Amino acid sequence: MSALTIGHDAEVFVSQAGTITHAIGLLGGTKEKPVPVKQGALQEDNVLAELNIWPAATADKFVEHTNTVMEVLKSRLPDGYDVDIISSHHYPKEFLMAAPSQALEFGCDPDFNCWTLDENDTSSPLTTLRTAGGHVHIGFPNYVTELDRVMTMRMCDYLLGLPSVLLDTDTERRSLYGKAGAYRPKPYGAEYRTLSNFWLNDEALMRWVFAQAVECYEQRNSTKDYQLILPSVEVQRIINESDKVAAAKWVQALNINMPV
């Protein structure tokens, strides 16, 4: 029997002399061919830098892998460049038009809504907004069933998505990506795609994400109990509308763990 593991692919913006710029050509690596580094991998995604980590069976390893790959990322940036952990940014149109064509290319791999099981719209409008995700990957300890996968992702909306409304100060990202229930099935389990990168800012948040992701899997069969208290339609609305008042009410009512 294998262990339950948690990983992530998180995106960050890059700045030059304090001004947000693009990461194109600075790191190399693509979705198809990421650049392997110690305890993970790096790649470029549109204008963003992306770090992937090795799956972790403990919170300590989750934090260690994340910090290690982040340090490698920073070390590979040219002098005068740094990482900015923000969830969204509007680039000047002229900047995007002058940047390499990758700045106008959006990922086309579909993701799904775990409540309806429908494919989400992956078309990207012509926009100057760019957004950074903090997608959480849950590796199941045994064989993967579709029921386990869907129920785990639904629980993620309650235990990760709902409290993230209070923890994430950004409210623009979900106009493009990260709606409630967004996930991708994976051979090893599932990828929850609702969270932004806000939790990269602090080790306590990293540990909270790890612990909540573990709980989502372990409590997957309790999803219907949560729905009886807070219907799925309402939890989706709260997340998609970033309704902090309702989020605070239900986080308390459902006794959802928050970072300490």
C-alpha atoms as a PDB file:
ATOM      1  CA  MET A   1       0.000   0.000   0.000  1.00  0.00           C
ATOM      2  CA  SER A   2       1.488   3.330  -1.049  1.00  0.00           C
ATOM      3  CA  ALA A   3       1.273   6.560   0.911  1.00  0.00           C
ATOM      4  CA  LEU A   4      -1.069   9.446   0.247  1.00  0.00           C
ATOM      5  CA  THR A   5       0.998  12.190  -1.384  1.00  0.00           C
ATOM      6  CA  ILE A   6       0.461  15.877  -2.069  1.00  0.00           C
ATOM      7  CA  GLY A   7       2.210  17.858  -4.778  1.00  0.00           C
ATOM      8  CA  HIS A   8       1.587  21.046  -6.714  1.00  0.00           C
ATOM      9  CA  ASP A   9       2.274  23.065  -9.799  1.00  0.00           C
ATOM     10  CA  ALA A  10       2.307  26.710  -8.778  1.00  0.00           C
ATOM     11  CA  GLU A  11       2.918  29.745 -10.944  1.00  0.00           C
ATOM     12  CA  VAL A  12       4.613  33.026 -10.072  1.00  0.00           C
ATOM     13  CA  PHE A  13       5.206  36.320 -11.783  1.00  0.00           C
ATOM     14  CA  VAL A  14       8.685  37.631 -12.445  1.00  0.00           C
ATOM     15  CA  SER A  15       9.833  41.215 -11.962  1.00  0.00           C
ATOM     16  CA  GLN A  16      12.810  43.176 -13.200  1.00  0.00           C
ATOM     17  CA  ALA A  17      14.005  46.045 -11.029  1.00  0.00           C
ATOM     18  CA  GLY A  18      10.662  45.976  -9.240  1.00  0.00           C
ATOM     19  CA  THR A  19       8.498  46.029 -12.370  1.00  0.00           C
ATOM     20  CA  ILE A  20       6.435  42.975 -13.383  1.00  0.00           C
ATOM     21  CA  THR A  21       7.768  41.513 -16.629  1.00  0.00           C
ATOM     22  CA  HIS A  22       7.657  38.105 -18.332  1.00  0.00           C
ATOM     23  CA  ALA A  23       9.608  34.908 -17.716  1.00  0.00           C
ATOM     24  CA  ILE A  24       9.861  33.929 -21.380  1.00  0.00           C
ATOM     25  CA  GLY A  25      13.335  32.693 -22.246  1.00  0.00           C
ATOM     26  CA  LEU A  26      14.597  32.941 -18.671  1.00  0.00           C
ATOM     27  CA  LEU A  27      14.076  29.367 -17.458  1.00  0.00           C
ATOM     28  CA  GLY A  28      13.222  27.114 -20.383  1.00  0.00           C
ATOM     29  CA  GLY A  29      10.941  24.151 -20.000  1.00  0.00           C
ATOM     30  CA  THR A  30       7.395  23.574 -21.212  1.00  0.00           C
ATOM     31  CA  LYS A  31       4.360  21.592 -20.060  1.00  0.00           C
ATOM     32  CA  GLU A  32       5.538  18.740 -22.262  1.00  0.00           C
ATOM     33  CA  LYS A  33       9.207  19.020 -21.273  1.00  0.00           C
ATOM     34  CA  PRO A  34       9.768  20.697 -17.896  1.00  0.00           C
ATOM     35  CA  VAL A  35      13.347  21.275 -16.776  1.00  0.00           C
ATOM     36  CA  PRO A  36      14.231  18.836 -13.965  1.00  0.00           C
ATOM     37  CA  VAL A  37      15.763  20.462 -10.882  1.00  0.00           C
ATOM     38  CA  LYS A  38      16.450  19.344  -7.339  1.00  0.00           C
ATOM     39  CA  GLN A  39      13.191  18.097  -5.780  1.00  0.00           C
ATOM     40  CA  GLY A  40      11.050  19.147  -8.731  1.00  0.00           C
ATOM     41  CA  ALA A  41      11.011  20.912 -12.081  1.00  0.00           C
ATOM     42  CA  LEU A  42      10.694  24.348 -13.690  1.00  0.00           C
ATOM     43  CA  GLN A  43       8.958  25.579 -16.800  1.00  0.00           C
ATOM     44  CA  GLU A  44       7.571  28.644 -18.515  1.00  0.00           C
ATOM     45  CA  ASP A  45       3.811  29.049 -18.959  1.00  0.00           C
ATOM     46  CA  ASN A  46       2.684  32.046 -20.973  1.00  0.00           C
ATOM     47  CA  VAL A  47       4.426  34.973 -19.185  1.00  0.00           C
ATOM     48  CA  LEU A  48       4.753  33.097 -15.895  1.00  0.00           C
ATOM     49  CA  ALA A  49       7.356  30.917 -14.226  1.00  0.00           C
ATOM     50  CA  GLU A  50       6.043  27.599 -12.949  1.00  0.00           C
ATOM     51  CA  LEU A  51       7.472  25.336 -10.286  1.00  0.00           C
ATOM     52  CA  ASN A  52       6.511  21.686  -9.867  1.00  0.00           C
ATOM     53  CA  ILE A  53       7.538  19.635  -6.842  1.00  0.00           C
ATOM     54  CA  TRP A  54       8.079  15.992  -6.132  1.00  0.00           C
ATOM     55  CA  PRO A  55       5.017  14.468  -4.422  1.00  0.00           C
ATOM     56  CA  ALA A  56       5.332  14.658  -0.633  1.00  0.00           C
ATOM     57  CA  ALA A  57       3.998  12.292   2.020  1.00  0.00           C
ATOM     58  CA  THR A  58       4.560  14.749   4.889  1.00  0.00           C
ATOM     59  CA  ALA A  59       4.052  18.471   5.413  1.00  0.00           C
ATOM     60  CA  ASP A  60       7.765  18.881   6.139  1.00  0.00           C
ATOM     61  CA  LYS A  61       8.657  17.413   2.757  1.00  0.00           C
ATOM     62  CA  PHE A  62       5.963  19.457   1.003  1.00  0.00           C
ATOM     63  CA  VAL A  63       7.483  22.645   2.394  1.00  0.00           C
ATOM     64  CA  GLU A  64      11.043  21.484   1.768  1.00  0.00           C
ATOM     65  CA  HIS A  65      10.365  20.597  -1.864  1.00  0.00           C
ATOM     66  CA  THR A  66       8.571  23.896  -2.446  1.00  0.00           C
ATOM     67  CA  ASN A  67      11.301  26.017  -0.885  1.00  0.00           C
ATOM     68  CA  THR A  68      14.037  24.115  -2.691  1.00  0.00           C
ATOM     69  CA  VAL A  69      12.484  24.501  -6.138  1.00  0.00           C
ATOM     70  CA  MET A  70      11.680  28.157  -5.435  1.00  0.00           C
ATOM     71  CA  GLU A  71      15.313  28.841  -4.517  1.00  0.00           C
ATOM     72  CA  VAL A  72      16.481  27.131  -7.700  1.00  0.00           C
ATOM     73  CA  LEU A  73      14.032  29.242  -9.700  1.00  0.00           C
ATOM     74  CA  LYS A  74      15.321  32.454  -8.124  1.00  0.00           C
ATOM     75  CA  SER A  75      18.936  31.428  -8.645  1.00  0.00           C
ATOM     76  CA  ARG A  76      18.340  30.890 -12.359  1.00  0.00           C
ATOM     77  CA  LEU A  77      16.860  34.315 -12.966  1.00  0.00           C
ATOM     78  CA  PRO A  78      19.240  36.947 -14.342  1.00  0.00           C
ATOM     79  CA  ASP A  79      20.637  39.638 -12.050  1.00  0.00           C
ATOM     80  CA  GLY A  80      18.033  42.262 -11.242  1.00  0.00           C
ATOM     81  CA  TYR A  81      15.133  39.818 -11.562  1.00  0.00           C
ATOM     82  CA  ASP A  82      13.002  38.454  -8.750  1.00  0.00           C
ATOM     83  CA  VAL A  83       9.843  36.436  -8.075  1.00  0.00           C
ATOM     84  CA  ASP A  84       6.516  38.121  -7.323  1.00  0.00           C
ATOM     85  CA  ILE A  85       3.924  35.950  -5.603  1.00  0.00           C
ATOM     86  CA  ILE A  86       0.767  37.712  -6.720  1.00  0.00           C
ATOM     87  CA  SER A  87      -2.276  36.029  -8.220  1.00  0.00           C
ATOM     88  CA  SER A  88      -3.090  38.369 -11.104  1.00  0.00           C
ATOM     89  CA  HIS A  89      -1.664  41.279 -13.041  1.00  0.00           C
ATOM     90  CA  HIS A  90      -2.813  43.470 -15.919  1.00  0.00           C
ATOM     91  CA  TYR A  91       0.004  43.981 -18.438  1.00  0.00           C
ATOM     92  CA  PRO A  92      -0.003  46.978 -20.757  1.00  0.00           C
ATOM     93  CA  LYS A  93      -1.308  45.870 -24.139  1.00  0.00           C
ATOM     94  CA  GLU A  94       1.806  47.260 -25.809  1.00  0.00           C
ATOM     95  CA  PHE A  95       3.987  45.115 -23.550  1.00  0.00           C
ATOM     96  CA  LEU A  96       2.193  41.913 -24.503  1.00  0.00           C
ATOM     97  CA  MET A  97       2.238  42.740 -28.203  1.00  0.00           C
ATOM     98  CA  ALA A  98       5.986  43.411 -28.071  1.00  0.00           C
ATOM     99  CA  ALA A  99       6.747  40.275 -26.040  1.00  0.00           C
ATOM    100  CA  PRO A 100       7.512  36.897 -27.652  1.00  0.00           C
ATOM    101  CA  SER A 101       4.424  35.137 -29.065  1.00  0.00           C
ATOM    102  CA  GLN A 102       4.306  32.821 -26.048  1.00  0.00           C
ATOM    103  CA  ALA A 103       2.770  35.745 -24.119  1.00  0.00           C
ATOM    104  CA  LEU A 104      -0.399  35.311 -26.187  1.00  0.00           C
ATOM    105  CA  GLU A 105      -0.573  31.509 -25.944  1.00  0.00           C
ATOM    106  CA  PHE A 106      -2.867  29.942 -23.347  1.00  0.00           C
ATOM    107  CA  GLY A 107      -2.944  26.316 -22.272  1.00  0.00           C
ATOM    108  CA  CYS A 108      -5.665  24.323 -23.978  1.00  0.00           C
ATOM    109  CA  ASP A 109      -5.777  21.121 -21.896  1.00  0.00           C
ATOM    110  CA  PRO A 110      -9.310  20.846 -20.571  1.00  0.00           C
ATOM    111  CA  ASP A 111     -10.311  20.759 -16.949  1.00  0.00           C
ATOM    112  CA  PHE A 112     -13.664  19.821 -15.500  1.00  0.00           C
ATOM    113  CA  ASN A 113     -16.259  20.874 -12.950  1.00  0.00           C
ATOM    114  CA  CYS A 114     -16.409  18.208 -10.251  1.00  0.00           C
ATOM    115  CA  TRP A 115     -20.065  19.027  -9.496  1.00  0.00           C
ATOM    116  CA  THR A 116     -21.472  18.804 -13.021  1.00  0.00           C
ATOM    117  CA  LEU A 117     -18.641  16.672 -14.484  1.00  0.00           C
ATOM    118  CA  ASP A 118     -18.816  18.935 -17.545  1.00  0.00           C
ATOM    119  CA  GLU A 119     -15.704  20.209 -19.273  1.00  0.00           C
ATOM    120  CA  ASN A 120     -14.921  23.807 -18.369  1.00  0.00           C
ATOM    121  CA  ASP A 121     -14.597  26.417 -21.071  1.00  0.00           C
ATOM    122  CA  THR A 122     -10.876  26.749 -21.813  1.00  0.00           C
ATOM    123  CA  SER A 123     -11.161  29.512 -24.365  1.00  0.00           C
ATOM    124  CA  SER A 124      -9.206  32.609 -23.319  1.00  0.00           C
ATOM    125  CA  PRO A 125     -10.514  36.020 -24.305  1.00  0.00           C
ATOM    126  CA  LEU A 126      -8.257  38.708 -25.638  1.00  0.00           C
ATOM    127  CA  THR A 127      -7.240  40.231 -22.344  1.00  0.00           C
ATOM    128  CA  THR A 128      -4.299  41.909 -20.685  1.00  0.00           C
ATOM    129  CA  LEU A 129      -4.981  39.972 -17.475  1.00  0.00           C
ATOM    130  CA  ARG A 130      -2.628  37.151 -16.542  1.00  0.00           C
ATOM    131  CA  THR A 131      -3.239  34.908 -13.548  1.00  0.00           C
ATOM    132  CA  ALA A 132      -1.150  32.578 -11.395  1.00  0.00           C
ATOM    133  CA  GLY A 133      -2.516  29.308 -10.058  1.00  0.00           C
ATOM    134  CA  GLY A 134      -1.465  27.188  -7.121  1.00  0.00           C
ATOM    135  CA  HIS A 135      -2.896  23.854  -8.213  1.00  0.00           C
ATOM    136  CA  VAL A 136      -2.819  21.036  -5.665  1.00  0.00           C
ATOM    137  CA  HIS A 137      -2.180  17.442  -6.761  1.00  0.00           C
ATOM    138  CA  ILE A 138      -3.465  14.615  -4.577  1.00  0.00           C
ATOM    139  CA  GLY A 139      -1.925  11.205  -5.103  1.00  0.00           C
ATOM    140  CA  PHE A 140      -4.213   8.481  -3.806  1.00  0.00           C
ATOM    141  CA  PRO A 141      -2.647   5.765  -1.629  1.00  0.00           C
ATOM    142  CA  ASN A 142      -4.439   2.906  -3.385  1.00  0.00           C
ATOM    143  CA  TYR A 143      -6.035   2.377  -6.770  1.00  0.00           C
ATOM    144  CA  VAL A 144      -7.956   5.313  -8.216  1.00  0.00           C
ATOM    145  CA  THR A 145     -11.699   5.110  -8.746  1.00  0.00           C
ATOM    146  CA  GLU A 146     -13.710   7.822 -10.449  1.00  0.00           C
ATOM    147  CA  LEU A 147     -16.017   8.059  -7.426  1.00  0.00           C
ATOM    148  CA  ASP A 148     -13.099   8.628  -5.045  1.00  0.00           C
ATOM    149  CA  ARG A 149     -11.659  11.210  -7.408  1.00  0.00           C
ATOM    150  CA  VAL A 150     -14.873  13.216  -7.764  1.00  0.00           C
ATOM    151  CA  MET A 151     -15.762  13.066  -4.071  1.00  0.00           C
ATOM    152  CA  THR A 152     -12.265  14.190  -3.087  1.00  0.00           C
ATOM    153  CA  MET A 153     -12.455  17.141  -5.463  1.00  0.00           C
ATOM    154  CA  ARG A 154     -15.876  18.120  -4.133  1.00  0.00           C
ATOM    155  CA  MET A 155     -14.515  18.049  -0.604  1.00  0.00           C
ATOM    156  CA  CYS A 156     -11.700  20.328  -1.810  1.00  0.00           C
ATOM    157  CA  ASP A 157     -14.271  23.036  -2.487  1.00  0.00           C
ATOM    158  CA  TYR A 158     -15.341  22.876   1.164  1.00  0.00           C
ATOM    159  CA  LEU A 159     -11.977  22.479   2.875  1.00  0.00           C
ATOM    160  CA  LEU A 160      -9.699  24.436   0.497  1.00  0.00           C
ATOM    161  CA  GLY A 161     -11.772  26.562  -1.871  1.00  0.00           C
ATOM    162  CA  LEU A 162     -14.184  28.016   0.684  1.00  0.00           C
ATOM    163  CA  PRO A 163     -11.545  29.137   3.223  1.00  0.00           C
ATOM    164  CA  SER A 164      -9.329  30.413   0.408  1.00  0.00           C
ATOM    165  CA  VAL A 165     -11.916  33.155  -0.138  1.00  0.00           C
ATOM    166  CA  LEU A 166     -10.790  34.554   3.226  1.00  0.00           C
ATOM    167  CA  LEU A 167      -7.076  33.905   2.740  1.00  0.00           C
ATOM    168  CA  ASP A 168      -6.612  35.068  -0.851  1.00  0.00           C
ATOM    169  CA  THR A 169      -6.789  38.847  -1.283  1.00  0.00           C
ATOM    170  CA  ASP A 170      -7.045  38.572  -5.079  1.00  0.00           C
ATOM    171  CA  THR A 171     -10.528  38.701  -6.613  1.00  0.00           C
ATOM    172  CA  GLU A 172      -9.686  39.019 -10.333  1.00  0.00           C
ATOM    173  CA  ARG A 173      -8.117  35.658 -11.127  1.00  0.00           C
ATOM    174  CA  ARG A 174     -11.391  33.727 -11.179  1.00  0.00           C
ATOM    175  CA  SER A 175     -12.670  35.852 -14.043  1.00  0.00           C
ATOM    176  CA  LEU A 176     -10.333  33.699 -16.168  1.00  0.00           C
ATOM    177  CA  TYR A 177      -9.378  30.572 -14.221  1.00  0.00           C
ATOM    178  CA  GLY A 178      -9.965  28.811 -10.930  1.00  0.00           C
ATOM    179  CA  LYS A 179     -13.716  28.595 -10.668  1.00  0.00           C
ATOM    180  CA  ALA A 180     -15.147  26.386  -7.934  1.00  0.00           C
ATOM    181  CA  GLY A 181     -14.776  22.664  -8.511  1.00  0.00           C
ATOM    182  CA  ALA A 182     -12.155  22.984 -11.243  1.00  0.00           C
ATOM    183  CA  TYR A 183     -10.091  19.816 -11.482  1.00  0.00           C
ATOM    184  CA  ARG A 184      -8.217  17.495 -13.793  1.00  0.00           C
ATOM    185  CA  PRO A 185      -8.240  13.716 -13.423  1.00  0.00           C
ATOM    186  CA  LYS A 186      -4.772  12.237 -13.088  1.00  0.00           C
ATOM    187  CA  PRO A 187      -3.627   8.602 -13.251  1.00  0.00           C
ATOM    188  CA  TYR A 188      -2.467   8.881  -9.638  1.00  0.00           C
ATOM    189  CA  GLY A 189      -5.530  10.804  -8.370  1.00  0.00           C
ATOM    190  CA  ALA A 190      -6.594  14.348  -9.177  1.00  0.00           C
ATOM    191  CA  GLU A 191      -5.478  17.964  -9.505  1.00  0.00           C
ATOM    192  CA  TYR A 192      -7.547  20.635  -7.744  1.00  0.00           C
ATOM    193  CA  ARG A 193      -7.263  23.813  -9.806  1.00  0.00           C
ATOM    194  CA  THR A 194      -9.333  26.352  -7.878  1.00  0.00           C
ATOM    195  CA  LEU A 195      -6.588  27.836  -5.690  1.00  0.00           C
ATOM    196  CA  SER A 196      -4.301  30.668  -6.728  1.00  0.00           C
ATOM    197  CA  ASN A 197      -0.669  30.873  -5.619  1.00  0.00           C
ATOM    198  CA  PHE A 198      -1.456  32.888  -2.452  1.00  0.00           C
ATOM    199  CA  TRP A 199      -0.297  30.066  -0.196  1.00  0.00           C
ATOM    200  CA  LEU A 200       3.290  30.253  -1.480  1.00  0.00           C
ATOM    201  CA  ASN A 201       3.764  33.393   0.601  1.00  0.00           C
ATOM    202  CA  ASP A 202       4.136  31.652   3.946  1.00  0.00           C
ATOM    203  CA  GLU A 203       5.213  28.246   5.291  1.00  0.00           C
ATOM    204  CA  ALA A 204       2.185  28.155   7.587  1.00  0.00           C
ATOM    205  CA  LEU A 205      -0.041  28.436   4.507  1.00  0.00           C
ATOM    206  CA  MET A 206       1.922  25.683   2.760  1.00  0.00           C
ATOM    207  CA  ARG A 207       1.420  23.390   5.734  1.00  0.00           C
ATOM    208  CA  TRP A 208      -2.256  24.288   5.846  1.00  0.00           C
ATOM    209  CA  VAL A 209      -2.686  23.410   2.147  1.00  0.00           C
ATOM    210  CA  PHE A 210      -0.977  20.074   2.716  1.00  0.00           C
ATOM    211  CA  ALA A 211      -3.095  19.233   5.764  1.00  0.00           C
ATOM    212  CA  GLN A 212      -6.352  20.262   4.098  1.00  0.00           C
ATOM    213  CA  ALA A 213      -5.553  18.289   0.945  1.00  0.00           C
ATOM    214  CA  VAL A 214      -4.937  15.181   3.046  1.00  0.00           C
ATOM    215  CA  GLU A 215      -8.218  15.803   4.854  1.00  0.00           C
ATOM    216  CA  CYS A 216     -10.062  16.175   1.544  1.00  0.00           C
ATOM    217  CA  TYR A 217      -9.089  12.651   0.596  1.00  0.00           C
ATOM    218  CA  GLU A 218      -9.655  11.154   4.032  1.00  0.00           C
ATOM    219  CA  GLN A 219     -13.063  12.830   4.398  1.00  0.00           C
ATOM    220  CA  ARG A 220     -14.198  12.282   0.802  1.00  0.00           C
ATOM    221  CA  ASN A 221     -17.112  10.109   1.886  1.00  0.00           C
ATOM    222  CA  SER A 222     -18.425  12.929   4.094  1.00  0.00           C
ATOM    223  CA  THR A 223     -19.104  15.243   1.163  1.00  0.00           C
ATOM    224  CA  LYS A 224     -22.848  14.583   1.226  1.00  0.00           C
ATOM    225  CA  ASP A 225     -22.947  15.488   4.931  1.00  0.00           C
ATOM    226  CA  TYR A 226     -21.386  18.862   4.130  1.00  0.00           C
ATOM    227  CA  GLN A 227     -23.862  19.371   1.287  1.00  0.00           C
ATOM    228  CA  LEU A 228     -26.780  18.911   3.674  1.00  0.00           C
ATOM    229  CA  ILE A 229     -25.484  21.865   5.703  1.00  0.00           C
ATOM    230  CA  LEU A 230     -24.108  24.035   2.883  1.00  0.00           C
ATOM    231  CA  PRO A 231     -25.535  23.083  -0.539  1.00  0.00           C
ATOM    232  CA  SER A 232     -23.017  22.668  -3.338  1.00  0.00           C
ATOM    233  CA  VAL A 233     -24.636  25.441  -5.388  1.00  0.00           C
ATOM    234  CA  GLU A 234     -24.003  27.891  -2.558  1.00  0.00           C
ATOM    235  CA  VAL A 235     -20.401  26.865  -1.882  1.00  0.00           C
ATOM    236  CA  GLN A 236     -19.703  27.326  -5.587  1.00  0.00           C
ATOM    237  CA  ARG A 237     -21.310  30.752  -5.558  1.00  0.00           C
ATOM    238  CA  ILE A 238     -19.297  31.867  -2.530  1.00  0.00           C
ATOM    239  CA  ILE A 239     -16.041  30.792  -4.159  1.00  0.00           C
ATOM    240  CA  ASN A 240     -16.807  32.182  -7.615  1.00  0.00           C
ATOM    241  CA  GLU A 241     -18.021  35.528  -6.253  1.00  0.00           C
ATOM    242  CA  SER A 242     -15.323  35.789  -3.548  1.00  0.00           C
ATOM    243  CA  ASP A 243     -18.078  36.399  -0.993  1.00  0.00           C
ATOM    244  CA  LYS A 244     -16.002  36.923   2.140  1.00  0.00           C
ATOM    245  CA  VAL A 245     -18.976  37.514   4.457  1.00  0.00           C
ATOM    246  CA  ALA A 246     -20.617  34.223   3.543  1.00  0.00           C
ATOM    247  CA  ALA A 247     -17.247  32.431   3.528  1.00  0.00           C
ATOM    248  CA  ALA A 248     -16.521  33.570   7.087  1.00  0.00           C
ATOM    249  CA  LYS A 249     -19.963  32.424   8.240  1.00  0.00           C
ATOM    250  CA  TRP A 250     -19.658  28.943   6.764  1.00  0.00           C
ATOM    251  CA  VAL A 251     -16.008  28.373   7.662  1.00  0.00           C
ATOM    252  CA  GLN A 252     -17.049  28.894  11.271  1.00  0.00           C
ATOM    253  CA  ALA A 253     -20.273  26.891  10.975  1.00  0.00           C
ATOM    254  CA  LEU A 254     -18.500  23.941   9.377  1.00  0.00           C
ATOM    255  CA  ASN A 255     -15.552  24.226  11.787  1.00  0.00           C
ATOM    256  CA  ILE A 256     -13.077  24.284   8.916  1.00  0.00           C
ATOM    257  CA  ASN A 257      -9.424  24.429   9.937  1.00  0.00           C
ATOM    258  CA  MET A 258      -7.630  27.686   9.216  1.00  0.00           C
ATOM    259  CA  PRO A 259      -3.898  28.438   9.254  1.00  0.00           C
ATOM    260  CA  VAL A 260      -2.387  29.295  12.621  1.00  0.00           C
END
